[in-house]
Amino acid sequence: MTYYTQGTCSSQIDLEVDENHIIQSVRFHGGCHGNTQGISKLVVGMKAEDVIERVEGTRCGFKSTSCPDQLAKALRKAIA
């Protein structure tokens, strides 16, 4: 699925979650390449619910959201 982010430097997140809510792939478009690439590698193989619990509400500087927070929103939508 594709999730279009709001309030971050990345513009979208492409992700795949299987029927057991295990994250198969994550790809950010834009953003801080090293950070988003690192996040993507760390979460593959994890349960979506565990990632949501860990990263939801993370802020980037003075912004009310961040790439990890947007990933949590994308994962919520993917497993809904």
Protein backbone atom coordinates (compact mmCIF):
# COMPACT_ATOMS: atom_id res chain seq x y z
CA MET A 1 0.00 0.00 0.00
CA THR A 2 1.02 3.60 -0.43
CA TYR A 3 0.54 6.14 2.34
CA TYR A 4 0.95 9.85 1.59
CA THR A 5 2.57 11.53 4.58
CA GLN A 6 1.64 14.86 6.12
CA GLY A 7 3.95 17.28 7.88
CA THR A 8 7.24 15.53 7.11
CA CYS A 9 10.07 15.84 4.61
CA SER A 10 9.17 12.44 3.17
CA SER A 11 6.21 12.56 0.80
CA GLN A 12 5.04 8.95 0.89
CA ILE A 13 5.65 5.54 2.40
CA ASP A 14 5.24 2.32 0.42
CA LEU A 15 4.78 -0.69 2.65
CA GLU A 16 3.72 -4.29 2.62
CA VAL A 17 2.23 -6.04 5.64
CA ASP A 18 1.17 -9.70 5.51
CA GLU A 19 -2.05 -11.24 6.85
CA ASN A 20 -0.40 -11.81 10.25
CA HIS A 21 0.51 -8.10 10.45
CA ILE A 22 4.21 -8.82 9.89
CA ILE A 23 5.96 -6.01 8.03
CA GLN A 24 7.46 -7.32 4.78
CA SER A 25 8.83 -4.08 3.31
CA VAL A 26 8.95 -0.32 3.93
CA ARG A 27 10.20 2.38 1.57
CA PHE A 28 10.13 6.11 2.30
CA HIS A 29 10.18 8.64 -0.54
CA GLY A 30 12.16 11.71 0.49
CA GLY A 31 13.13 12.59 4.01
CA CYS A 32 16.50 12.05 5.66
CA HIS A 33 17.72 9.14 3.58
CA GLY A 34 19.96 7.53 6.19
CA ASN A 35 17.32 7.73 8.91
CA THR A 36 14.41 6.51 6.81
CA GLN A 37 16.52 3.72 5.31
CA GLY A 38 17.55 2.68 8.83
CA ILE A 39 13.98 2.72 10.12
CA SER A 40 12.89 0.62 7.15
CA LYS A 41 15.53 -2.04 7.79
CA LEU A 42 14.83 -2.15 11.52
CA VAL A 43 11.09 -2.74 11.24
CA VAL A 44 11.00 -5.42 8.52
CA GLY A 45 10.03 -8.70 10.17
CA MET A 46 8.33 -7.01 13.13
CA LYS A 47 4.63 -7.05 13.97
CA ALA A 48 2.96 -3.83 12.90
CA GLU A 49 1.40 -3.38 16.33
CA ASP A 50 4.83 -3.49 18.02
CA VAL A 51 6.22 -0.85 15.68
CA ILE A 52 3.17 1.37 16.18
CA GLU A 53 3.59 1.13 19.96
CA ARG A 54 7.26 2.11 19.77
CA VAL A 55 7.20 4.98 17.26
CA GLU A 56 3.73 6.55 17.40
CA GLY A 57 3.88 10.12 18.69
CA THR A 58 7.57 10.64 17.86
CA ARG A 59 8.20 14.27 16.96
CA CYS A 60 10.82 15.81 14.68
CA GLY A 61 12.09 19.05 16.18
CA PHE A 62 9.20 21.49 16.56
CA LYS A 63 6.95 19.52 14.19
CA SER A 64 3.97 17.67 15.66
CA THR A 65 4.92 14.53 13.70
CA SER A 66 7.92 12.73 12.21
CA CYS A 67 8.71 10.01 9.68
CA PRO A 68 8.41 7.31 12.39
CA ASP A 69 5.07 8.77 13.53
CA GLN A 70 3.85 8.81 9.93
CA LEU A 71 4.94 5.17 9.60
CA ALA A 72 2.76 4.34 12.62
CA LYS A 73 -0.20 6.03 10.91
CA ALA A 74 0.49 4.12 7.69
CA LEU A 75 0.69 0.83 9.59
CA ARG A 76 -2.60 1.52 11.39
CA LYS A 77 -4.23 2.04 8.00
CA ALA A 78 -2.60 -1.10 6.56
CA ILE A 79 -3.88 -3.39 9.33
CA ALA A 80 -7.34 -1.82 9.62
